C-alpha atoms as a PDB file:
ATOM      1  CA  MET A   1       8.336   0.852  19.528  1.00  0.00           C
ATOM      2  CA  ILE A   2       7.748   4.153  17.740  1.00  0.00           C
ATOM      3  CA  GLY A   3       4.039   4.503  17.023  1.00  0.00           C
ATOM      4  CA  LEU A   4       1.108   2.514  18.410  1.00  0.00           C
ATOM      5  CA  GLY A   5      -1.282   2.606  15.469  1.00  0.00           C
ATOM      6  CA  ASN A   6      -2.672  -0.348  13.527  1.00  0.00           C
ATOM      7  CA  ILE A   7       0.511  -2.259  12.704  1.00  0.00           C
ATOM      8  CA  GLY A   8       2.172  -1.140  15.930  1.00  0.00           C
ATOM      9  CA  LEU A   9      -0.571  -2.371  18.285  1.00  0.00           C
ATOM     10  CA  MET A  10      -4.175  -2.119  17.118  1.00  0.00           C
ATOM     11  CA  TYR A  11      -4.441  -4.973  14.589  1.00  0.00           C
ATOM     12  CA  ASP A  12      -4.146  -7.477  17.449  1.00  0.00           C
ATOM     13  CA  LEU A  13      -7.487  -6.212  18.760  1.00  0.00           C
ATOM     14  CA  ASP A  14      -9.076  -7.820  15.673  1.00  0.00           C
ATOM     15  CA  SER A  15     -10.072 -11.391  16.556  1.00  0.00           C
ATOM     16  CA  ASN A  16      -9.961 -12.439  12.885  1.00  0.00           C
ATOM     17  CA  ARG A  17      -6.245 -11.723  12.580  1.00  0.00           C
ATOM     18  CA  VAL A  18      -3.548 -14.282  13.320  1.00  0.00           C
ATOM     19  CA  LYS A  19      -1.635 -13.342  16.458  1.00  0.00           C
ATOM     20  CA  PRO A  20       0.771 -11.716  16.567  1.00  0.00           C
ATOM     21  CA  SER A  21      -0.158  -9.263  13.824  1.00  0.00           C
ATOM     22  CA  THR A  22       1.582  -6.270  15.395  1.00  0.00           C
ATOM     23  CA  HIS A  23       5.094  -5.316  16.392  1.00  0.00           C
ATOM     24  CA  VAL A  24       4.313  -4.918  20.095  1.00  0.00           C
ATOM     25  CA  ILE A  25       2.678  -8.317  20.508  1.00  0.00           C
ATOM     26  CA  ALA A  26       5.314 -10.071  18.371  1.00  0.00           C
ATOM     27  CA  TYR A  27       8.056  -8.723  20.638  1.00  0.00           C
ATOM     28  CA  ALA A  28       6.079  -9.462  23.803  1.00  0.00           C
ATOM     29  CA  MET A  29       5.503 -13.082  22.715  1.00  0.00           C
ATOM     30  CA  ASN A  30       9.160 -13.765  21.870  1.00  0.00           C
ATOM     31  CA  ALA A  31      11.168 -15.255  24.747  1.00  0.00           C
ATOM     32  CA  ASN A  32      14.375 -13.624  23.490  1.00  0.00           C
ATOM     33  CA  ILE A  33      13.012 -10.116  24.042  1.00  0.00           C
ATOM     34  CA  GLY A  34      13.722  -8.765  27.516  1.00  0.00           C
ATOM     35  CA  TYR A  35      11.269  -5.888  27.623  1.00  0.00           C
ATOM     36  CA  VAL A  36       9.103  -3.693  25.388  1.00  0.00           C
ATOM     37  CA  SER A  37       8.830   0.077  25.605  1.00  0.00           C
ATOM     38  CA  ALA A  38       6.762   2.276  23.324  1.00  0.00           C
ATOM     39  CA  PHE A  39       6.472   5.888  22.210  1.00  0.00           C
ATOM     40  CA  ASP A  40       3.303   7.563  20.973  1.00  0.00           C
ATOM     41  CA  THR A  41       2.077  11.148  21.126  1.00  0.00           C
ATOM     42  CA  ARG A  42      -1.436   9.979  22.100  1.00  0.00           C
ATOM     43  CA  ILE A  43      -1.788   9.341  25.832  1.00  0.00           C
ATOM     44  CA  GLU A  44      -4.877   7.181  25.241  1.00  0.00           C
ATOM     45  CA  GLN A  45      -2.653   4.523  23.630  1.00  0.00           C
ATOM     46  CA  LYS A  46      -1.022   3.931  27.032  1.00  0.00           C
ATOM     47  CA  THR A  47      -4.204   2.304  28.370  1.00  0.00           C
ATOM     48  CA  LEU A  48      -4.495  -0.032  25.384  1.00  0.00           C
ATOM     49  CA  LEU A  49      -0.803  -0.912  25.546  1.00  0.00           C
ATOM     50  CA  ASN A  50      -0.962  -1.795  29.235  1.00  0.00           C
ATOM     51  CA  GLN A  51      -4.136  -3.825  28.751  1.00  0.00           C
ATOM     52  CA  MET A  52      -2.422  -5.952  26.119  1.00  0.00           C
ATOM     53  CA  VAL A  53       1.124  -5.979  27.510  1.00  0.00           C
ATOM     54  CA  PRO A  54       0.946  -4.971  31.210  1.00  0.00           C
ATOM     55  CA  GLU A  55       4.731  -4.968  31.651  1.00  0.00           C
ATOM     56  CA  ALA A  56       5.351  -2.654  28.667  1.00  0.00           C
ATOM     57  CA  VAL A  57       6.630   0.873  29.344  1.00  0.00           C
ATOM     58  CA  PHE A  58       4.882   3.828  27.678  1.00  0.00           C
ATOM     59  CA  SER A  59       6.371   7.247  26.978  1.00  0.00           C
ATOM     60  CA  GLN A  60       5.387  10.405  25.130  1.00  0.00           C
ATOM     61  CA  SER A  61       9.054  11.413  24.943  1.00  0.00           C
ATOM     62  CA  MET A  62      11.435   9.784  22.481  1.00  0.00           C
ATOM     63  CA  LYS A  63      14.413  10.962  24.542  1.00  0.00           C
ATOM     64  CA  ALA A  64      13.007   9.443  27.746  1.00  0.00           C
ATOM     65  CA  LEU A  65      12.338   6.173  25.948  1.00  0.00           C
ATOM     66  CA  PHE A  66      16.039   5.673  25.207  1.00  0.00           C
ATOM     67  CA  GLU A  67      17.223   6.896  28.616  1.00  0.00           C
ATOM     68  CA  GLN A  68      15.432   4.064  30.428  1.00  0.00           C
ATOM     69  CA  SER A  69      17.659   1.257  29.162  1.00  0.00           C
ATOM     70  CA  PRO A  70      19.917   0.306  26.219  1.00  0.00           C
ATOM     71  CA  VAL A  71      17.813  -0.604  23.183  1.00  0.00           C
ATOM     72  CA  ASP A  72      18.745  -3.352  20.684  1.00  0.00           C
ATOM     73  CA  VAL A  73      15.796  -3.111  18.273  1.00  0.00           C
ATOM     74  CA  VAL A  74      13.619  -0.163  17.259  1.00  0.00           C
ATOM     75  CA  SER A  75      10.387  -0.617  15.312  1.00  0.00           C
ATOM     76  CA  ILE A  76       9.129   2.413  13.405  1.00  0.00           C
ATOM     77  CA  CYS A  77       5.374   2.160  12.865  1.00  0.00           C
ATOM     78  CA  THR A  78       4.370   5.768  12.236  1.00  0.00           C
ATOM     79  CA  PRO A  79       2.975   7.068   8.907  1.00  0.00           C
ATOM     80  CA  PRO A  80       5.674   7.204   6.189  1.00  0.00           C
ATOM     81  CA  GLN A  81       5.987  10.993   6.161  1.00  0.00           C
ATOM     82  CA  TYR A  82       7.472  10.764   9.690  1.00  0.00           C
ATOM     83  CA  HIS A  83       9.896   7.856   9.106  1.00  0.00           C
ATOM     84  CA  LEU A  84      12.976   9.884   8.175  1.00  0.00           C
ATOM     85  CA  ASP A  85      12.573  12.237  11.148  1.00  0.00           C
ATOM     86  CA  ASN A  86      11.902   9.263  13.435  1.00  0.00           C
ATOM     87  CA  ILE A  87      15.122   7.583  12.300  1.00  0.00           C
ATOM     88  CA  LYS A  88      17.033  10.831  12.910  1.00  0.00           C
ATOM     89  CA  GLU A  89      15.676  10.939  16.477  1.00  0.00           C
ATOM     90  CA  VAL A  90      16.510   7.280  17.062  1.00  0.00           C
ATOM     91  CA  LEU A  91      20.113   7.908  15.983  1.00  0.00           C
ATOM     92  CA  LYS A  92      20.267  11.041  18.128  1.00  0.00           C
ATOM     93  CA  TYR A  93      19.202   9.354  21.363  1.00  0.00           C
ATOM     94  CA  GLY A  94      20.127   5.682  20.871  1.00  0.00           C
ATOM     95  CA  ASN A  95      22.387   3.218  19.126  1.00  0.00           C
ATOM     96  CA  PRO A  96      20.262   0.158  18.277  1.00  0.00           C
ATOM     97  CA  LYS A  97      21.576  -2.856  16.398  1.00  0.00           C
ATOM     98  CA  VAL A  98      18.477  -3.099  14.186  1.00  0.00           C
ATOM     99  CA  ILE A  99      15.856  -0.620  12.959  1.00  0.00           C
ATOM    100  CA  PHE A 100      12.732  -2.439  11.753  1.00  0.00           C
ATOM    101  CA  CYS A 101      10.754   0.025   9.641  1.00  0.00           C
ATOM    102  CA  GLU A 102       7.257  -0.227   8.220  1.00  0.00           C
ATOM    103  CA  LYS A 103       6.674   0.282   4.512  1.00  0.00           C
ATOM    104  CA  PRO A 104       6.996   2.520   2.652  1.00  0.00           C
ATOM    105  CA  ILE A 105      10.214   3.268   4.512  1.00  0.00           C
ATOM    106  CA  ILE A 106      10.281   6.869   3.282  1.00  0.00           C
ATOM    107  CA  ALA A 107       7.533   9.130   1.974  1.00  0.00           C
ATOM    108  CA  ASP A 108       9.393  10.190  -1.154  1.00  0.00           C
ATOM    109  CA  PHE A 109      12.212   8.742  -3.249  1.00  0.00           C
ATOM    110  CA  ASN A 110      14.089  12.064  -2.854  1.00  0.00           C
ATOM    111  CA  GLU A 111      14.682  11.186   0.824  1.00  0.00           C
ATOM    112  CA  PHE A 112      16.697   8.086  -0.073  1.00  0.00           C
ATOM    113  CA  LYS A 113      20.146   9.703  -0.267  1.00  0.00           C
ATOM    114  CA  GLU A 114      19.667  11.429   3.099  1.00  0.00           C
ATOM    115  CA  LEU A 115      18.561   8.185   4.733  1.00  0.00           C
ATOM    116  CA  GLU A 116      21.476   6.298   3.165  1.00  0.00           C
ATOM    117  CA  SER A 117      23.960   8.899   4.456  1.00  0.00           C
ATOM    118  CA  LEU A 118      22.452   8.739   7.963  1.00  0.00           C
ATOM    119  CA  LEU A 119      23.188   5.009   8.140  1.00  0.00           C
ATOM    120  CA  TYR A 120      26.566   5.186   6.403  1.00  0.00           C
ATOM    121  CA  ASP A 121      29.429   3.945   8.598  1.00  0.00           C
ATOM    122  CA  ARG A 122      27.042   2.914  11.392  1.00  0.00           C
ATOM    123  CA  LYS A 123      26.764  -0.678  12.549  1.00  0.00           C
ATOM    124  CA  ILE A 124      22.995  -0.524  12.353  1.00  0.00           C
ATOM    125  CA  VAL A 125      20.947  -2.829  10.121  1.00  0.00           C
ATOM    126  CA  LEU A 126      17.783  -1.281   8.696  1.00  0.00           C
ATOM    127  CA  VAL A 127      15.181  -3.931   7.818  1.00  0.00           C
ATOM    128  CA  PRO A 128      12.049  -2.810   5.937  1.00  0.00           C
ATOM    129  CA  ASN A 129       8.916  -4.739   6.857  1.00  0.00           C
ATOM    130  CA  LEU A 130       7.875  -6.054   3.460  1.00  0.00           C
ATOM    131  CA  SER A 131       5.962  -8.672   5.359  1.00  0.00           C
ATOM    132  CA  ARG A 132       5.351 -11.258   2.618  1.00  0.00           C
ATOM    133  CA  ARG A 133       9.099 -11.976   2.733  1.00  0.00           C
ATOM    134  CA  TRP A 134       8.586 -13.739   6.070  1.00  0.00           C
ATOM    135  CA  SER A 135       5.892 -16.083   4.667  1.00  0.00           C
ATOM    136  CA  ARG A 136       6.340 -19.804   4.005  1.00  0.00           C
ATOM    137  CA  GLY A 137       4.215 -19.409   0.890  1.00  0.00           C
ATOM    138  CA  THR A 138       6.761 -17.012  -0.604  1.00  0.00           C
ATOM    139  CA  ASP A 139       9.474 -19.606   0.049  1.00  0.00           C
ATOM    140  CA  ILE A 140       7.427 -22.302  -1.736  1.00  0.00           C
ATOM    141  CA  ILE A 141       7.036 -20.165  -4.863  1.00  0.00           C
ATOM    142  CA  ARG A 142      10.658 -18.973  -4.933  1.00  0.00           C
ATOM    143  CA  HIS A 143      11.907 -22.556  -4.594  1.00  0.00           C
ATOM    144  CA  ASN A 144       9.882 -23.659  -7.634  1.00  0.00           C
ATOM    145  CA  ILE A 145      11.113 -20.676  -9.646  1.00  0.00           C
ATOM    146  CA  GLN A 146      14.778 -21.168  -8.714  1.00  0.00           C
ATOM    147  CA  GLN A 147      14.625 -24.905  -9.429  1.00  0.00           C
ATOM    148  CA  LYS A 148      12.731 -24.284 -12.690  1.00  0.00           C
ATOM    149  CA  THR A 149      10.371 -27.046 -11.609  1.00  0.00           C
ATOM    150  CA  TYR A 150       7.873 -26.021 -14.295  1.00  0.00           C
ATOM    151  CA  GLY A 151      10.308 -24.431 -16.699  1.00  0.00           C
ATOM    152  CA  GLN A 152      10.895 -20.737 -17.261  1.00  0.00           C
ATOM    153  CA  LEU A 153       8.550 -18.147 -15.778  1.00  0.00           C
ATOM    154  CA  LEU A 154       6.890 -16.384 -18.731  1.00  0.00           C
ATOM    155  CA  LYS A 155       4.031 -14.174 -17.535  1.00  0.00           C
ATOM    156  CA  VAL A 156       2.564 -12.725 -14.352  1.00  0.00           C
ATOM    157  CA  HIS A 157      -1.005 -11.545 -13.759  1.00  0.00           C
ATOM    158  CA  ALA A 158      -1.703  -9.771 -10.448  1.00  0.00           C
ATOM    159  CA  ARG A 159      -4.755  -8.187  -8.809  1.00  0.00           C
ATOM    160  CA  TYR A 160      -4.691  -5.763  -5.875  1.00  0.00           C
ATOM    161  CA  THR A 161      -6.549  -3.007  -4.017  1.00  0.00           C
ATOM    162  CA  ARG A 162      -5.656  -0.013  -1.826  1.00  0.00           C
ATOM    163  CA  GLY A 163      -2.913   1.992  -3.421  1.00  0.00           C
ATOM    164  CA  ILE A 164       0.470   1.753  -5.105  1.00  0.00           C
ATOM    165  CA  HIS A 165       2.213   2.713  -1.850  1.00  0.00           C
ATOM    166  CA  ASN A 166       0.116   0.720   0.624  1.00  0.00           C
ATOM    167  CA  THR A 167      -0.693  -2.691  -0.874  1.00  0.00           C
ATOM    168  CA  GLY A 168       1.507  -1.886  -3.867  1.00  0.00           C
ATOM    169  CA  SER A 169       4.647  -2.012  -1.718  1.00  0.00           C
ATOM    170  CA  HIS A 170       4.032  -5.691  -0.936  1.00  0.00           C
ATOM    171  CA  LEU A 171       2.923  -6.546  -4.469  1.00  0.00           C
ATOM    172  CA  PHE A 172       5.881  -4.888  -6.215  1.00  0.00           C
ATOM    173  CA  ASP A 173       8.309  -6.532  -3.801  1.00  0.00           C
ATOM    174  CA  LEU A 174       6.855  -9.999  -4.477  1.00  0.00           C
ATOM    175  CA  LEU A 175       6.910  -9.407  -8.230  1.00  0.00           C
ATOM    176  CA  LYS A 176      10.596  -8.497  -7.919  1.00  0.00           C
ATOM    177  CA  LEU A 177      11.329 -11.681  -5.942  1.00  0.00           C
ATOM    178  CA  PHE A 178       9.458 -13.863  -8.427  1.00  0.00           C
ATOM    179  CA  ALA A 179       9.999 -12.194 -11.812  1.00  0.00           C
ATOM    180  CA  GLY A 180      12.935  -9.770 -11.484  1.00  0.00           C
ATOM    181  CA  ASN A 181      13.222  -5.983 -11.548  1.00  0.00           C
ATOM    182  CA  MET A 182      10.678  -4.086 -13.619  1.00  0.00           C
ATOM    183  CA  GLU A 183      12.363  -2.370 -16.557  1.00  0.00           C
ATOM    184  CA  TRP A 184       9.350  -0.290 -17.582  1.00  0.00           C
ATOM    185  CA  VAL A 185       5.713   0.288 -16.634  1.00  0.00           C
ATOM    186  CA  LYS A 186       2.756   1.572 -18.653  1.00  0.00           C
ATOM    187  CA  VAL A 187      -0.467   2.644 -16.946  1.00  0.00           C
ATOM    188  CA  ILE A 188      -3.778   1.474 -18.425  1.00  0.00           C
ATOM    189  CA  HIS A 189      -6.187   3.330 -16.135  1.00  0.00           C
ATOM    190  CA  GLN A 190      -6.774   4.479 -12.555  1.00  0.00           C
ATOM    191  CA  VAL A 191      -9.142   2.639 -10.200  1.00  0.00           C
ATOM    192  CA  ASN A 192     -11.040   4.158  -7.264  1.00  0.00           C
ATOM    193  CA  THR A 193     -10.281   2.577  -3.854  1.00  0.00           C
ATOM    194  CA  SER A 194     -10.530   3.576  -0.196  1.00  0.00           C
ATOM    195  CA  ALA A 195      -6.808   4.465  -0.311  1.00  0.00           C
ATOM    196  CA  ASP A 196      -7.747   7.571  -2.331  1.00  0.00           C
ATOM    197  CA  LEU A 197      -8.642   9.156   1.021  1.00  0.00           C
ATOM    198  CA  ASP A 198      -4.959   8.781   1.966  1.00  0.00           C
ATOM    199  CA  HIS A 199      -3.866  10.256  -1.393  1.00  0.00           C
ATOM    200  CA  ASP A 200      -2.573   6.843  -2.444  1.00  0.00           C
ATOM    201  CA  PRO A 201      -3.838   6.143  -5.984  1.00  0.00           C
ATOM    202  CA  THR A 202      -4.431   2.700  -7.487  1.00  0.00           C
ATOM    203  CA  TYR A 203      -3.610   1.920 -11.120  1.00  0.00           C
ATOM    204  CA  SER A 204      -3.883  -0.962 -13.533  1.00  0.00           C
ATOM    205  CA  PHE A 205      -0.700  -1.256 -15.610  1.00  0.00           C
ATOM    206  CA  ILE A 206       1.508  -3.528 -17.687  1.00  0.00           C
ATOM    207  CA  PHE A 207       5.253  -4.082 -17.280  1.00  0.00           C
ATOM    208  CA  ASN A 208       8.280  -6.045 -18.393  1.00  0.00           C
ATOM    209  CA  THR A 209      11.170  -7.256 -16.211  1.00  0.00           C
ATOM    210  CA  ASP A 210      14.897  -7.684 -16.671  1.00  0.00           C
ATOM    211  CA  GLN A 211      14.242 -11.441 -16.781  1.00  0.00           C
ATOM    212  CA  ASN A 212      11.972 -10.902 -19.800  1.00  0.00           C
ATOM    213  CA  VAL A 213       8.794 -11.691 -17.867  1.00  0.00           C
ATOM    214  CA  GLN A 214       5.677  -9.910 -19.107  1.00  0.00           C
ATOM    215  CA  GLY A 215       3.252  -8.664 -16.493  1.00  0.00           C
ATOM    216  CA  HIS A 216      -0.260  -7.276 -16.082  1.00  0.00           C
ATOM    217  CA  VAL A 217      -1.350  -5.762 -12.765  1.00  0.00           C
ATOM    218  CA  GLU A 218      -5.023  -4.943 -12.340  1.00  0.00           C
ATOM    219  CA  GLY A 219      -6.457  -2.660  -9.666  1.00  0.00           C
ATOM    220  CA  PHE A 220      -9.797  -3.403  -7.997  1.00  0.00           C
ATOM    221  CA  ASN A 221     -12.096  -1.257  -5.872  1.00  0.00           C
ATOM    222  CA  ASP A 222     -11.985  -2.615  -2.310  1.00  0.00           C
ATOM    223  CA  GLN A 223     -15.524  -1.329  -1.698  1.00  0.00           C
ATOM    224  CA  HIS A 224     -16.543  -4.372  -3.752  1.00  0.00           C
ATOM    225  CA  TYR A 225     -14.010  -6.797  -2.229  1.00  0.00           C
ATOM    226  CA  TYR A 226     -10.396  -6.956  -1.072  1.00  0.00           C
ATOM    227  CA  MET A 227      -7.945  -8.421  -3.588  1.00  0.00           C
ATOM    228  CA  PHE A 228      -4.328  -9.538  -3.385  1.00  0.00           C
ATOM    229  CA  GLU A 229      -3.695 -12.312  -5.902  1.00  0.00           C
ATOM    230  CA  ILE A 230      -0.887 -13.362  -8.240  1.00  0.00           C
ATOM    231  CA  ASP A 231      -0.910 -15.891 -11.102  1.00  0.00           C
ATOM    232  CA  LEU A 232       2.506 -17.080 -12.314  1.00  0.00           C
ATOM    233  CA  TYR A 233       2.570 -18.762 -15.745  1.00  0.00           C
ATOM    234  CA  PHE A 234       5.479 -21.086 -16.568  1.00  0.00           C
ATOM    235  CA  GLU A 235       6.405 -23.081 -19.665  1.00  0.00           C
ATOM    236  CA  CYS A 236       4.964 -26.249 -18.118  1.00  0.00           C
ATOM    237  CA  GLY A 237       2.741 -25.112 -15.269  1.00  0.00           C
ATOM    238  CA  LYS A 238       1.167 -22.385 -13.207  1.00  0.00           C
ATOM    239  CA  ILE A 239       1.160 -21.224  -9.570  1.00  0.00           C
ATOM    240  CA  GLU A 240      -1.794 -19.366  -8.051  1.00  0.00           C
ATOM    241  CA  PHE A 241      -1.208 -17.112  -5.022  1.00  0.00           C
ATOM    242  CA  ARG A 242      -4.570 -16.441  -3.313  1.00  0.00           C
ATOM    243  CA  MET A 243      -6.003 -14.785  -0.177  1.00  0.00           C
ATOM    244  CA  SER A 244      -2.883 -12.636   0.299  1.00  0.00           C
ATOM    245  CA  GLY A 245      -0.759 -15.775   0.283  1.00  0.00           C
ATOM    246  CA  ASP A 246      -2.858 -17.870   2.667  1.00  0.00           C
ATOM    247  CA  SER A 247      -3.501 -20.335  -0.171  1.00  0.00           C
ATOM    248  CA  ILE A 248      -1.154 -21.468  -2.959  1.00  0.00           C
ATOM    249  CA  THR A 249      -2.139 -23.903  -5.711  1.00  0.00           C
ATOM    250  CA  VAL A 250       0.411 -25.524  -8.043  1.00  0.00           C
ATOM    251  CA  PHE A 251      -0.522 -26.787 -11.526  1.00  0.00           C
ATOM    252  CA  GLY A 252       1.389 -28.990 -13.953  1.00  0.00           C
ATOM    253  CA  THR A 253       0.624 -29.821 -17.584  1.00  0.00           C
ATOM    254  CA  ASP A 254      -0.665 -32.972 -19.250  1.00  0.00           C
ATOM    255  CA  GLN A 255      -2.224 -33.993 -22.563  1.00  0.00           C
ATOM    256  CA  HIS A 256      -5.444 -32.075 -23.140  1.00  0.00           C
ATOM    257  CA  PRO A 257      -8.492 -34.374 -22.669  1.00  0.00           C
ATOM    258  CA  LEU A 258     -10.494 -32.629 -25.420  1.00  0.00           C
ATOM    259  CA  PHE A 259      -8.040 -31.250 -27.983  1.00  0.00           C
ATOM    260  CA  THR A 260      -5.395 -33.543 -29.490  1.00  0.00           C
ATOM    261  CA  GLY A 261      -1.908 -32.084 -29.707  1.00  0.00           C
ATOM    262  CA  PHE A 262      -2.423 -29.597 -26.885  1.00  0.00           C
ATOM    263  CA  SER A 263      -1.694 -29.591 -23.155  1.00  0.00           C
ATOM    264  CA  HIS A 264      -3.860 -28.421 -20.268  1.00  0.00           C
ATOM    265  CA  LEU A 265      -3.212 -27.374 -16.685  1.00  0.00           C
ATOM    266  CA  TYR A 266      -4.127 -29.709 -13.838  1.00  0.00           C
ATOM    267  CA  GLU A 267      -3.797 -29.265 -10.081  1.00  0.00           C
ATOM    268  CA  ILE A 268      -0.803 -31.030  -8.522  1.00  0.00           C
ATOM    269  CA  GLU A 269      -0.835 -29.759  -4.943  1.00  0.00           C
ATOM    270  CA  ARG A 270      -2.357 -27.087  -2.748  1.00  0.00           C
ATOM    271  CA  PHE A 271      -1.119 -25.377   0.395  1.00  0.00           C
ATOM    272  CA  ASP A 272      -3.766 -23.798   2.651  1.00  0.00           C
ATOM    273  CA  HIS A 273      -3.728 -21.775   5.885  1.00  0.00           C
ATOM    274  CA  LEU A 274      -0.169 -20.601   5.228  1.00  0.00           C
ATOM    275  CA  LEU A 275      -0.810 -17.358   7.115  1.00  0.00           C
ATOM    276  CA  SER A 276      -1.733 -19.246  10.282  1.00  0.00           C
ATOM    277  CA  GLU A 277       2.008 -19.002  10.871  1.00  0.00           C
ATOM    278  CA  SER A 278       2.422 -15.333  11.788  1.00  0.00           C
ATOM    279  CA  ASN A 279       4.552 -13.310   9.367  1.00  0.00           C
ATOM    280  CA  MET A 280       5.232 -10.822  12.159  1.00  0.00           C
ATOM    281  CA  ALA A 281       6.456 -13.536  14.531  1.00  0.00           C
ATOM    282  CA  ASN A 282       8.728 -14.841  11.763  1.00  0.00           C
ATOM    283  CA  ALA A 283      10.040 -11.328  11.173  1.00  0.00           C
ATOM    284  CA  VAL A 284      10.964 -10.804  14.853  1.00  0.00           C
ATOM    285  CA  LYS A 285      12.634 -14.208  14.905  1.00  0.00           C
ATOM    286  CA  HIS A 286      14.701 -13.100  11.900  1.00  0.00           C
ATOM    287  CA  LEU A 287      15.685  -9.826  13.603  1.00  0.00           C
ATOM    288  CA  ILE A 288      17.005 -11.817  16.557  1.00  0.00           C
ATOM    289  CA  GLU A 289      18.990 -14.054  14.190  1.00  0.00           C
ATOM    290  CA  ILE A 290      20.542 -10.938  12.622  1.00  0.00           C
ATOM    291  CA  MET A 291      21.719  -9.780  16.049  1.00  0.00           C
ATOM    292  CA  LYS A 292      22.692 -13.063  17.685  1.00  0.00           C
ATOM    293  CA  LEU A 293      23.843 -15.142  14.714  1.00  0.00           C
ATOM    294  CA  GLU A 294      24.918 -12.315  12.376  1.00  0.00           C
ATOM    295  CA  ARG A 295      22.518 -13.540   9.708  1.00  0.00           C
ATOM    296  CA  LYS A 296      22.281 -11.542   6.501  1.00  0.00           C
ATOM    297  CA  PRO A 297      19.002  -9.555   6.479  1.00  0.00           C
ATOM    298  CA  MET A 298      16.328 -10.959   4.171  1.00  0.00           C
ATOM    299  CA  CYS A 299      15.193  -7.426   3.325  1.00  0.00           C
ATOM    300  CA  THR A 300      17.550  -4.460   2.881  1.00  0.00           C
ATOM    301  CA  LEU A 301      17.300  -0.694   2.527  1.00  0.00           C
ATOM    302  CA  LYS A 302      17.471  -0.963  -1.274  1.00  0.00           C
ATOM    303  CA  ASP A 303      14.745  -3.637  -1.211  1.00  0.00           C
ATOM    304  CA  GLY A 304      12.605  -1.148   0.698  1.00  0.00           C
ATOM    305  CA  ILE A 305      13.309   1.630  -1.790  1.00  0.00           C
ATOM    306  CA  TYR A 306      12.432  -0.489  -4.846  1.00  0.00           C
ATOM    307  CA  PRO A 307       8.594  -0.402  -4.427  1.00  0.00           C
ATOM    308  CA  ILE A 308       8.758   3.389  -3.954  1.00  0.00           C
ATOM    309  CA  ASN A 309      10.740   3.646  -7.194  1.00  0.00           C
ATOM    310  CA  VAL A 310       8.142   1.533  -9.042  1.00  0.00           C
ATOM    311  CA  ALA A 311       5.284   3.621  -7.613  1.00  0.00           C
ATOM    312  CA  GLN A 312       6.998   6.830  -8.731  1.00  0.00           C
ATOM    313  CA  SER A 313       7.392   5.424 -12.272  1.00  0.00           C
ATOM    314  CA  ILE A 314       3.695   4.450 -12.346  1.00  0.00           C
ATOM    315  CA  ILE A 315       2.713   7.997 -11.371  1.00  0.00           C
ATOM    316  CA  GLN A 316       5.005   9.388 -14.103  1.00  0.00           C
ATOM    317  CA  SER A 317       3.304   7.117 -16.636  1.00  0.00           C
ATOM    318  CA  ALA A 318      -0.150   8.275 -15.523  1.00  0.00           C
ATOM    319  CA  ASP A 319       0.936  11.930 -15.669  1.00  0.00           C
ATOM    320  CA  SER A 320       2.317  11.514 -19.193  1.00  0.00           C
ATOM    321  CA  ALA A 321      -0.945  10.287 -20.775  1.00  0.00           C
ATOM    322  CA  ASN A 322      -0.174   6.641 -19.912  1.00  0.00           C
ATOM    323  CA  GLN A 323       3.143   6.518 -21.755  1.00  0.00           C
ATOM    324  CA  GLU A 324       5.694   3.786 -21.093  1.00  0.00           C
ATOM    325  CA  VAL A 325       8.155   4.901 -18.374  1.00  0.00           C
ATOM    326  CA  SER A 326      11.498   3.282 -17.446  1.00  0.00           C
ATOM    327  CA  VAL A 327      11.994   2.132 -13.856  1.00  0.00           C
ATOM    328  CA  ASN A 328      15.410   3.234 -12.636  1.00  0.00           C
ATOM    329  CA  SER A 329      17.304   0.535 -10.741  1.00  0.00           C
ATOM    330  CA  LEU A 330      19.501   1.226  -7.705  1.00  0.00           C
ATOM    331  CA  GLN A 331      23.036  -0.019  -8.218  1.00  0.00           C
END
């Protein structure tokens, strides 16, 4: 464990969150993990770590952390501006099989080539933690899209708060999974959120994908309420993604009860409490499958770079008086 902040350790102090919500606790709860050791520059995190996982080993030295025992998995949970340097240190002192890195995996798109070259020719799998990928709700939606249960996906409306790099990373990744790669973005306006304090702006914008899906993403101020919602409109139905994916409602079409010759949407089924199954626990289970069963990773380096690329294009649109800007794809 590199970094014992919120996603590394602290979120599991919140009684409202499903456990495990952090890397440390997810590893500690998995029977396939032999031991957990953690690095942080703040000595006060040692007390919290040992209260929550008494057998865990704490260190303020990255070098000492890797000298204790061979390490199979490294989680990087520091702020994004430190990720590239953290990965360099990991490769200097250790040789893990998997690096599990929080989003955004790098602070700037310009760091991509350096990160790619660091991992080139190494038998190390880097898995970005775009955490909605480990959710059963995501699987439900992707299955309906792939099977064309309700026909072709036509439009997407999404609502979010807290920054194009923070919450935006998850949103842009889901939109890619559901609707394809964004070809262009066009900013409508900027929205104030608490992420402004972290220099992470929030924008409302429109887009189009390489699967010819039209999209509208609207930013909301989280001082009013937290938002992470997606509406997917098909030829013959609709899927609503609510409460960050905890609830999914599926609609079909039938003859309109009021207007002859038209159809209307009606609820077919609903899935609730989907997040009661921990995304973090599912992620750690997947990491173990990568190592023991040689499973293909569900999230790759290029998947992790994609949301950063989208965010950069959104900023370019905002800086060019809200002009339409192409989103470059990684081949």
